[in-house]
Amino acid sequence: MMKKTSTHLSKHKKKKPLKGVKNVTCTTCGGNTMDYAEDLVFDCYVLGERIIIPHLTGLRCRTCGEMGYDAPSSDIIDQYMHEKVTGGYEVTVSTLSAGKLGLYFPKDVLRTMDIKAKIKAIIKPITKKKMIVEIGT
């Protein structure tokens, strides 16, 4: 991933519009403590995989650490996240008893999300082909 990011950045040697910016108001802590940084790292989990994208640019708060990525870095993050989010885990809808249907979660999902038996979940239909499953406590 580091090699891919470095290659992408080297191809897009755009002018950095935030370079030299200092003392911007932080949206998290409210202080005028956000400065331009060239060593930001995007770090998150998507579909059970940890994604780390280094060498990004934008603003970072000196007080609370909040980060805001500039346009070129945001483009890199969006491009990579789009590749990941279009994936997913394939499961088969199974027939249970009394005319009910069920899904069996793959082991990777269970490990990543720490799902246990008998835990409550909320299913939110988005469209006829999409839903969100929120796992309760």
N, C-alpha and C. Protein backbone atom coordinates (compact mmCIF):
# COMPACT_ATOMS: atom_id res chain seq x y z
N MET A 1 0.82 -1.19 0.00
CA MET A 1 0.00 0.00 0.00
C MET A 1 0.86 1.25 0.00
N MET A 2 2.00 1.22 0.73
CA MET A 2 2.87 2.40 0.77
C MET A 2 3.41 2.71 -0.62
N LYS A 3 3.79 1.66 -1.34
CA LYS A 3 4.34 1.84 -2.67
C LYS A 3 3.27 2.44 -3.60
N LYS A 4 2.03 1.92 -3.48
CA LYS A 4 0.92 2.40 -4.30
C LYS A 4 0.65 3.88 -4.01
N THR A 5 0.66 4.27 -2.74
CA THR A 5 0.42 5.66 -2.36
C THR A 5 1.54 6.56 -2.86
N SER A 6 2.77 6.14 -2.68
CA SER A 6 3.92 6.94 -3.15
C SER A 6 3.86 7.14 -4.66
N THR A 7 3.53 6.08 -5.39
CA THR A 7 3.42 6.17 -6.85
C THR A 7 2.32 7.15 -7.23
N HIS A 8 1.17 7.02 -6.56
CA HIS A 8 0.06 7.92 -6.85
C HIS A 8 0.42 9.37 -6.57
N LEU A 9 1.07 9.63 -5.45
CA LEU A 9 1.47 11.00 -5.10
C LEU A 9 2.48 11.56 -6.08
N SER A 10 3.43 10.73 -6.52
CA SER A 10 4.45 11.22 -7.43
C SER A 10 3.87 11.58 -8.80
N LYS A 11 2.79 10.89 -9.20
CA LYS A 11 2.14 11.20 -10.47
C LYS A 11 1.32 12.48 -10.38
N HIS A 12 0.90 12.82 -9.18
CA HIS A 12 0.04 13.97 -8.97
C HIS A 12 0.75 15.04 -8.16
N LYS A 13 1.84 15.57 -8.71
CA LYS A 13 2.61 16.60 -8.03
C LYS A 13 1.88 17.94 -8.17
N LYS A 14 0.68 18.00 -7.59
CA LYS A 14 -0.10 19.23 -7.63
C LYS A 14 0.43 20.19 -6.57
N LYS A 15 0.11 21.45 -6.77
CA LYS A 15 0.44 22.45 -5.77
C LYS A 15 -0.36 22.12 -4.52
N LYS A 16 0.28 22.19 -3.38
CA LYS A 16 -0.37 21.88 -2.11
C LYS A 16 -0.98 23.16 -1.57
N PRO A 17 -2.32 23.33 -1.70
CA PRO A 17 -2.95 24.58 -1.31
C PRO A 17 -2.89 24.88 0.19
N LEU A 18 -2.71 23.87 1.03
CA LEU A 18 -2.68 24.08 2.47
C LEU A 18 -1.26 24.28 3.02
N LYS A 19 -0.25 24.08 2.18
CA LYS A 19 1.12 24.15 2.66
C LYS A 19 1.38 25.51 3.32
N GLY A 20 1.92 25.45 4.54
CA GLY A 20 2.24 26.66 5.28
C GLY A 20 1.10 27.19 6.13
N VAL A 21 -0.08 26.60 6.02
CA VAL A 21 -1.23 27.07 6.81
C VAL A 21 -1.01 26.73 8.28
N LYS A 22 -1.31 27.67 9.17
CA LYS A 22 -1.13 27.47 10.61
C LYS A 22 -2.31 28.09 11.36
N ASN A 23 -2.53 27.57 12.56
CA ASN A 23 -3.50 28.14 13.49
C ASN A 23 -4.94 28.19 12.97
N VAL A 24 -5.36 27.13 12.29
CA VAL A 24 -6.74 27.00 11.83
C VAL A 24 -7.57 26.46 13.00
N THR A 25 -8.84 26.85 13.08
CA THR A 25 -9.70 26.40 14.17
C THR A 25 -10.02 24.91 14.02
N CYS A 26 -9.78 24.15 15.07
CA CYS A 26 -10.06 22.72 15.10
C CYS A 26 -11.54 22.50 15.35
N THR A 27 -12.18 21.68 14.54
CA THR A 27 -13.61 21.40 14.69
C THR A 27 -13.89 20.51 15.89
N THR A 28 -12.88 19.83 16.42
CA THR A 28 -13.09 18.95 17.56
C THR A 28 -12.90 19.67 18.89
N CYS A 29 -11.75 20.30 19.08
CA CYS A 29 -11.47 20.93 20.39
C CYS A 29 -11.73 22.43 20.40
N GLY A 30 -11.90 23.04 19.23
CA GLY A 30 -12.22 24.46 19.17
C GLY A 30 -11.03 25.41 19.23
N GLY A 31 -9.84 24.88 19.44
CA GLY A 31 -8.66 25.73 19.50
C GLY A 31 -8.15 26.11 18.12
N ASN A 32 -7.39 27.19 18.04
CA ASN A 32 -6.76 27.58 16.78
C ASN A 32 -5.41 26.87 16.68
N THR A 33 -5.47 25.55 16.61
CA THR A 33 -4.26 24.74 16.76
C THR A 33 -4.04 23.75 15.62
N MET A 34 -4.71 23.95 14.49
CA MET A 34 -4.49 23.04 13.36
C MET A 34 -3.46 23.64 12.42
N ASP A 35 -2.44 22.83 12.08
CA ASP A 35 -1.37 23.25 11.19
C ASP A 35 -1.23 22.25 10.05
N TYR A 36 -0.63 22.71 8.96
CA TYR A 36 -0.36 21.84 7.82
C TYR A 36 0.63 20.75 8.23
N ALA A 37 0.38 19.52 7.75
CA ALA A 37 1.28 18.40 8.03
C ALA A 37 1.43 17.55 6.78
N GLU A 38 2.63 17.01 6.58
CA GLU A 38 2.91 16.15 5.43
C GLU A 38 3.11 14.69 5.83
N ASP A 39 2.83 14.36 7.09
CA ASP A 39 3.08 12.99 7.56
C ASP A 39 1.82 12.34 8.16
N LEU A 40 0.65 12.70 7.63
CA LEU A 40 -0.59 12.14 8.14
C LEU A 40 -0.74 10.69 7.71
N VAL A 41 -1.45 9.93 8.54
CA VAL A 41 -1.69 8.51 8.26
C VAL A 41 -3.18 8.24 8.39
N PHE A 42 -3.77 7.59 7.40
CA PHE A 42 -5.16 7.15 7.47
C PHE A 42 -5.14 5.71 7.96
N ASP A 43 -5.88 5.42 9.03
CA ASP A 43 -5.85 4.10 9.66
C ASP A 43 -7.28 3.71 10.05
N CYS A 44 -7.80 2.62 9.45
CA CYS A 44 -9.15 2.16 9.79
C CYS A 44 -9.29 0.69 9.45
N TYR A 45 -10.42 0.11 9.82
CA TYR A 45 -10.74 -1.27 9.47
C TYR A 45 -11.92 -1.28 8.51
N VAL A 46 -11.79 -2.04 7.43
CA VAL A 46 -12.87 -2.21 6.46
C VAL A 46 -12.99 -3.68 6.14
N LEU A 47 -14.16 -4.21 6.35
CA LEU A 47 -14.43 -5.62 6.07
C LEU A 47 -13.40 -6.53 6.73
N GLY A 48 -13.02 -6.19 7.96
CA GLY A 48 -12.10 -7.02 8.72
C GLY A 48 -10.64 -6.83 8.39
N GLU A 49 -10.33 -5.95 7.46
CA GLU A 49 -8.95 -5.71 7.05
C GLU A 49 -8.51 -4.34 7.54
N ARG A 50 -7.35 -4.27 8.16
CA ARG A 50 -6.83 -2.98 8.61
C ARG A 50 -6.21 -2.28 7.41
N ILE A 51 -6.60 -1.04 7.22
CA ILE A 51 -6.09 -0.25 6.11
C ILE A 51 -5.28 0.90 6.68
N ILE A 52 -4.02 0.98 6.26
CA ILE A 52 -3.13 2.06 6.69
C ILE A 52 -2.58 2.71 5.42
N ILE A 53 -2.83 4.01 5.28
CA ILE A 53 -2.30 4.76 4.13
C ILE A 53 -1.42 5.87 4.69
N PRO A 54 -0.10 5.75 4.56
CA PRO A 54 0.81 6.77 5.08
C PRO A 54 1.11 7.86 4.06
N HIS A 55 1.91 8.82 4.48
CA HIS A 55 2.44 9.89 3.61
C HIS A 55 1.34 10.77 3.02
N LEU A 56 0.31 11.06 3.82
CA LEU A 56 -0.76 11.93 3.35
C LEU A 56 -0.54 13.34 3.89
N THR A 57 -1.22 14.31 3.27
CA THR A 57 -1.06 15.71 3.66
C THR A 57 -2.41 16.31 4.05
N GLY A 58 -2.35 17.35 4.86
CA GLY A 58 -3.57 18.02 5.31
C GLY A 58 -3.29 18.80 6.58
N LEU A 59 -4.28 18.88 7.47
CA LEU A 59 -4.15 19.62 8.72
C LEU A 59 -4.23 18.68 9.91
N ARG A 60 -3.43 18.97 10.96
CA ARG A 60 -3.48 18.19 12.20
C ARG A 60 -3.48 19.16 13.38
N CYS A 61 -4.35 18.84 14.36
CA CYS A 61 -4.45 19.67 15.56
C CYS A 61 -3.32 19.33 16.52
N ARG A 62 -2.63 20.36 17.00
CA ARG A 62 -1.55 20.17 17.96
C ARG A 62 -2.08 19.75 19.33
N THR A 63 -3.33 20.08 19.64
CA THR A 63 -3.90 19.79 20.95
C THR A 63 -4.52 18.40 21.03
N CYS A 64 -5.47 18.11 20.13
CA CYS A 64 -6.23 16.86 20.24
C CYS A 64 -5.86 15.81 19.19
N GLY A 65 -5.06 16.17 18.19
CA GLY A 65 -4.64 15.21 17.18
C GLY A 65 -5.60 15.03 16.02
N GLU A 66 -6.72 15.74 16.02
CA GLU A 66 -7.69 15.65 14.92
C GLU A 66 -6.99 15.94 13.60
N MET A 67 -7.37 15.18 12.56
CA MET A 67 -6.75 15.35 11.25
C MET A 67 -7.80 15.68 10.20
N GLY A 68 -7.41 16.48 9.24
CA GLY A 68 -8.23 16.77 8.07
C GLY A 68 -7.34 16.65 6.85
N TYR A 69 -7.73 15.84 5.90
CA TYR A 69 -6.89 15.60 4.73
C TYR A 69 -7.20 16.61 3.64
N ASP A 70 -6.15 17.00 2.89
CA ASP A 70 -6.36 17.91 1.78
C ASP A 70 -6.93 17.15 0.59
N ALA A 71 -7.24 17.86 -0.49
CA ALA A 71 -7.91 17.24 -1.65
C ALA A 71 -7.13 16.08 -2.27
N PRO A 72 -5.82 16.21 -2.54
CA PRO A 72 -5.11 15.08 -3.13
C PRO A 72 -5.12 13.84 -2.21
N SER A 73 -4.95 14.04 -0.91
CA SER A 73 -4.95 12.91 0.02
C SER A 73 -6.35 12.30 0.12
N SER A 74 -7.37 13.16 0.14
CA SER A 74 -8.75 12.66 0.18
C SER A 74 -9.06 11.82 -1.06
N ASP A 75 -8.54 12.23 -2.20
CA ASP A 75 -8.74 11.45 -3.43
C ASP A 75 -8.13 10.06 -3.31
N ILE A 76 -6.93 9.99 -2.73
CA ILE A 76 -6.27 8.69 -2.54
C ILE A 76 -7.10 7.81 -1.61
N ILE A 77 -7.57 8.38 -0.51
CA ILE A 77 -8.38 7.62 0.45
C ILE A 77 -9.67 7.15 -0.22
N ASP A 78 -10.37 8.05 -0.90
CA ASP A 78 -11.63 7.70 -1.57
C ASP A 78 -11.44 6.59 -2.59
N GLN A 79 -10.38 6.69 -3.39
CA GLN A 79 -10.12 5.69 -4.41
C GLN A 79 -9.88 4.32 -3.79
N TYR A 80 -9.07 4.27 -2.75
CA TYR A 80 -8.76 3.00 -2.12
C TYR A 80 -9.98 2.43 -1.39
N MET A 81 -10.73 3.29 -0.69
CA MET A 81 -11.90 2.83 0.05
C MET A 81 -12.98 2.33 -0.90
N HIS A 82 -13.12 2.98 -2.05
CA HIS A 82 -14.11 2.52 -3.02
C HIS A 82 -13.79 1.10 -3.49
N GLU A 83 -12.51 0.82 -3.69
CA GLU A 83 -12.10 -0.54 -4.09
C GLU A 83 -12.48 -1.55 -3.01
N LYS A 84 -12.31 -1.18 -1.74
CA LYS A 84 -12.57 -2.11 -0.63
C LYS A 84 -14.05 -2.29 -0.35
N VAL A 85 -14.80 -1.18 -0.33
CA VAL A 85 -16.20 -1.24 0.06
C VAL A 85 -17.06 -1.94 -0.98
N THR A 86 -16.62 -1.97 -2.22
CA THR A 86 -17.41 -2.67 -3.23
C THR A 86 -17.32 -4.18 -3.04
N GLY A 87 -16.37 -4.62 -2.24
CA GLY A 87 -16.24 -6.05 -1.95
C GLY A 87 -17.21 -6.45 -0.86
N GLY A 88 -16.90 -7.46 -0.14
CA GLY A 88 -17.75 -7.89 0.96
C GLY A 88 -17.69 -9.39 1.11
N TYR A 89 -18.56 -9.91 1.93
CA TYR A 89 -18.63 -11.34 2.18
C TYR A 89 -19.92 -11.89 1.59
N GLU A 90 -19.81 -12.97 0.87
CA GLU A 90 -20.99 -13.61 0.30
C GLU A 90 -21.53 -14.62 1.30
N VAL A 91 -22.82 -14.54 1.57
CA VAL A 91 -23.49 -15.50 2.45
C VAL A 91 -24.73 -15.99 1.74
N THR A 92 -25.24 -17.12 2.16
CA THR A 92 -26.45 -17.69 1.58
C THR A 92 -27.58 -17.54 2.58
N VAL A 93 -28.73 -17.12 2.09
CA VAL A 93 -29.91 -17.04 2.94
C VAL A 93 -30.41 -18.47 3.13
N SER A 94 -30.56 -18.87 4.40
CA SER A 94 -30.96 -20.23 4.73
C SER A 94 -32.38 -20.25 5.29
N THR A 95 -33.07 -21.37 5.08
CA THR A 95 -34.40 -21.55 5.65
C THR A 95 -34.24 -22.12 7.05
N LEU A 96 -34.87 -21.45 8.01
CA LEU A 96 -34.87 -21.92 9.39
C LEU A 96 -36.22 -22.59 9.63
N SER A 97 -36.65 -22.68 10.83
CA SER A 97 -37.95 -23.28 11.11
C SER A 97 -39.06 -22.24 11.08
N ALA A 98 -40.28 -22.69 10.97
CA ALA A 98 -41.48 -21.84 11.00
C ALA A 98 -41.46 -20.76 9.92
N GLY A 99 -40.91 -21.07 8.76
CA GLY A 99 -40.92 -20.14 7.64
C GLY A 99 -39.98 -18.94 7.78
N LYS A 100 -39.06 -18.99 8.72
CA LYS A 100 -38.11 -17.90 8.91
C LYS A 100 -36.87 -18.14 8.07
N LEU A 101 -36.19 -17.04 7.74
CA LEU A 101 -34.94 -17.12 6.99
C LEU A 101 -33.81 -16.62 7.88
N GLY A 102 -32.60 -17.08 7.62
CA GLY A 102 -31.46 -16.66 8.42
C GLY A 102 -30.20 -16.56 7.59
N LEU A 103 -29.22 -15.85 8.14
CA LEU A 103 -27.90 -15.71 7.52
C LEU A 103 -26.86 -16.25 8.49
N TYR A 104 -25.87 -16.92 7.98
CA TYR A 104 -24.74 -17.36 8.79
C TYR A 104 -23.57 -16.45 8.48
N PHE A 105 -23.00 -15.85 9.51
CA PHE A 105 -21.89 -14.92 9.32
C PHE A 105 -20.58 -15.68 9.13
N PRO A 106 -19.76 -15.28 8.16
CA PRO A 106 -18.43 -15.90 7.99
C PRO A 106 -17.57 -15.66 9.22
N LYS A 107 -16.61 -16.54 9.47
CA LYS A 107 -15.74 -16.45 10.64
C LYS A 107 -14.98 -15.12 10.70
N ASP A 108 -14.54 -14.61 9.55
CA ASP A 108 -13.83 -13.33 9.53
C ASP A 108 -14.70 -12.20 10.09
N VAL A 109 -15.97 -12.21 9.76
CA VAL A 109 -16.88 -11.19 10.27
C VAL A 109 -17.06 -11.35 11.77
N LEU A 110 -17.22 -12.58 12.22
CA LEU A 110 -17.39 -12.84 13.65
C LEU A 110 -16.18 -12.38 14.45
N ARG A 111 -14.98 -12.64 13.94
CA ARG A 111 -13.76 -12.22 14.64
C ARG A 111 -13.62 -10.71 14.67
N THR A 112 -13.88 -10.07 13.54
CA THR A 112 -13.71 -8.63 13.43
C THR A 112 -14.71 -7.88 14.28
N MET A 113 -15.96 -8.35 14.29
CA MET A 113 -17.03 -7.61 14.95
C MET A 113 -17.34 -8.12 16.35
N ASP A 114 -16.72 -9.19 16.77
CA ASP A 114 -16.94 -9.74 18.10
C ASP A 114 -18.43 -10.03 18.34
N ILE A 115 -19.05 -10.73 17.39
CA ILE A 115 -20.46 -11.10 17.48
C ILE A 115 -20.58 -12.40 18.25
N LYS A 116 -21.52 -12.43 19.17
CA LYS A 116 -21.77 -13.62 19.98
C LYS A 116 -23.20 -14.10 19.75
N ALA A 117 -23.48 -15.37 20.08
CA ALA A 117 -24.83 -15.93 19.96
C ALA A 117 -25.79 -15.20 20.89
N LYS A 118 -27.01 -15.11 20.49
CA LYS A 118 -28.13 -14.53 21.26
C LYS A 118 -28.03 -13.01 21.45
N ILE A 119 -27.10 -12.38 20.76
CA ILE A 119 -27.00 -10.93 20.84
C ILE A 119 -28.10 -10.33 19.95
N LYS A 120 -28.65 -9.20 20.34
CA LYS A 120 -29.70 -8.55 19.57
C LYS A 120 -29.08 -7.75 18.41
N ALA A 121 -29.82 -7.70 17.31
CA ALA A 121 -29.39 -6.94 16.14
C ALA A 121 -30.58 -6.19 15.58
N ILE A 122 -30.30 -5.07 14.95
CA ILE A 122 -31.34 -4.29 14.28
C ILE A 122 -31.04 -4.32 12.80
N ILE A 123 -32.03 -4.68 12.00
CA ILE A 123 -31.88 -4.70 10.54
C ILE A 123 -32.66 -3.52 9.98
N LYS A 124 -31.96 -2.69 9.20
CA LYS A 124 -32.59 -1.52 8.59
C LYS A 124 -32.58 -1.68 7.08
N PRO A 125 -33.73 -1.95 6.46
CA PRO A 125 -33.78 -2.02 4.99
C PRO A 125 -33.48 -0.65 4.39
N ILE A 126 -32.61 -0.61 3.40
CA ILE A 126 -32.27 0.63 2.72
C ILE A 126 -32.99 0.69 1.38
N THR A 127 -32.86 -0.37 0.61
CA THR A 127 -33.58 -0.53 -0.66
C THR A 127 -34.05 -1.98 -0.70
N LYS A 128 -34.60 -2.40 -1.82
CA LYS A 128 -35.04 -3.79 -1.94
C LYS A 128 -33.86 -4.76 -1.96
N LYS A 129 -32.64 -4.25 -2.19
CA LYS A 129 -31.46 -5.12 -2.27
C LYS A 129 -30.36 -4.76 -1.27
N LYS A 130 -30.60 -3.78 -0.40
CA LYS A 130 -29.59 -3.37 0.55
C LYS A 130 -30.20 -3.23 1.94
N MET A 131 -29.38 -3.62 2.95
CA MET A 131 -29.78 -3.45 4.33
C MET A 131 -28.55 -3.19 5.19
N ILE A 132 -28.79 -2.60 6.34
CA ILE A 132 -27.75 -2.38 7.32
C ILE A 132 -28.09 -3.24 8.53
N VAL A 133 -27.11 -3.95 9.05
CA VAL A 133 -27.30 -4.75 10.26
C VAL A 133 -26.47 -4.11 11.35
N GLU A 134 -27.13 -3.66 12.42
CA GLU A 134 -26.44 -3.08 13.56
C GLU A 134 -26.50 -4.08 14.70
N ILE A 135 -25.34 -4.43 15.21
CA ILE A 135 -25.25 -5.39 16.30
C ILE A 135 -25.35 -4.64 17.62
N GLY A 136 -26.22 -5.11 18.52
CA GLY A 136 -26.41 -4.47 19.81
C GLY A 136 -25.45 -5.03 20.85
N THR A 137 -25.68 -4.67 22.09
CA THR A 137 -24.83 -5.15 23.17
C THR A 137 -25.58 -6.08 24.07
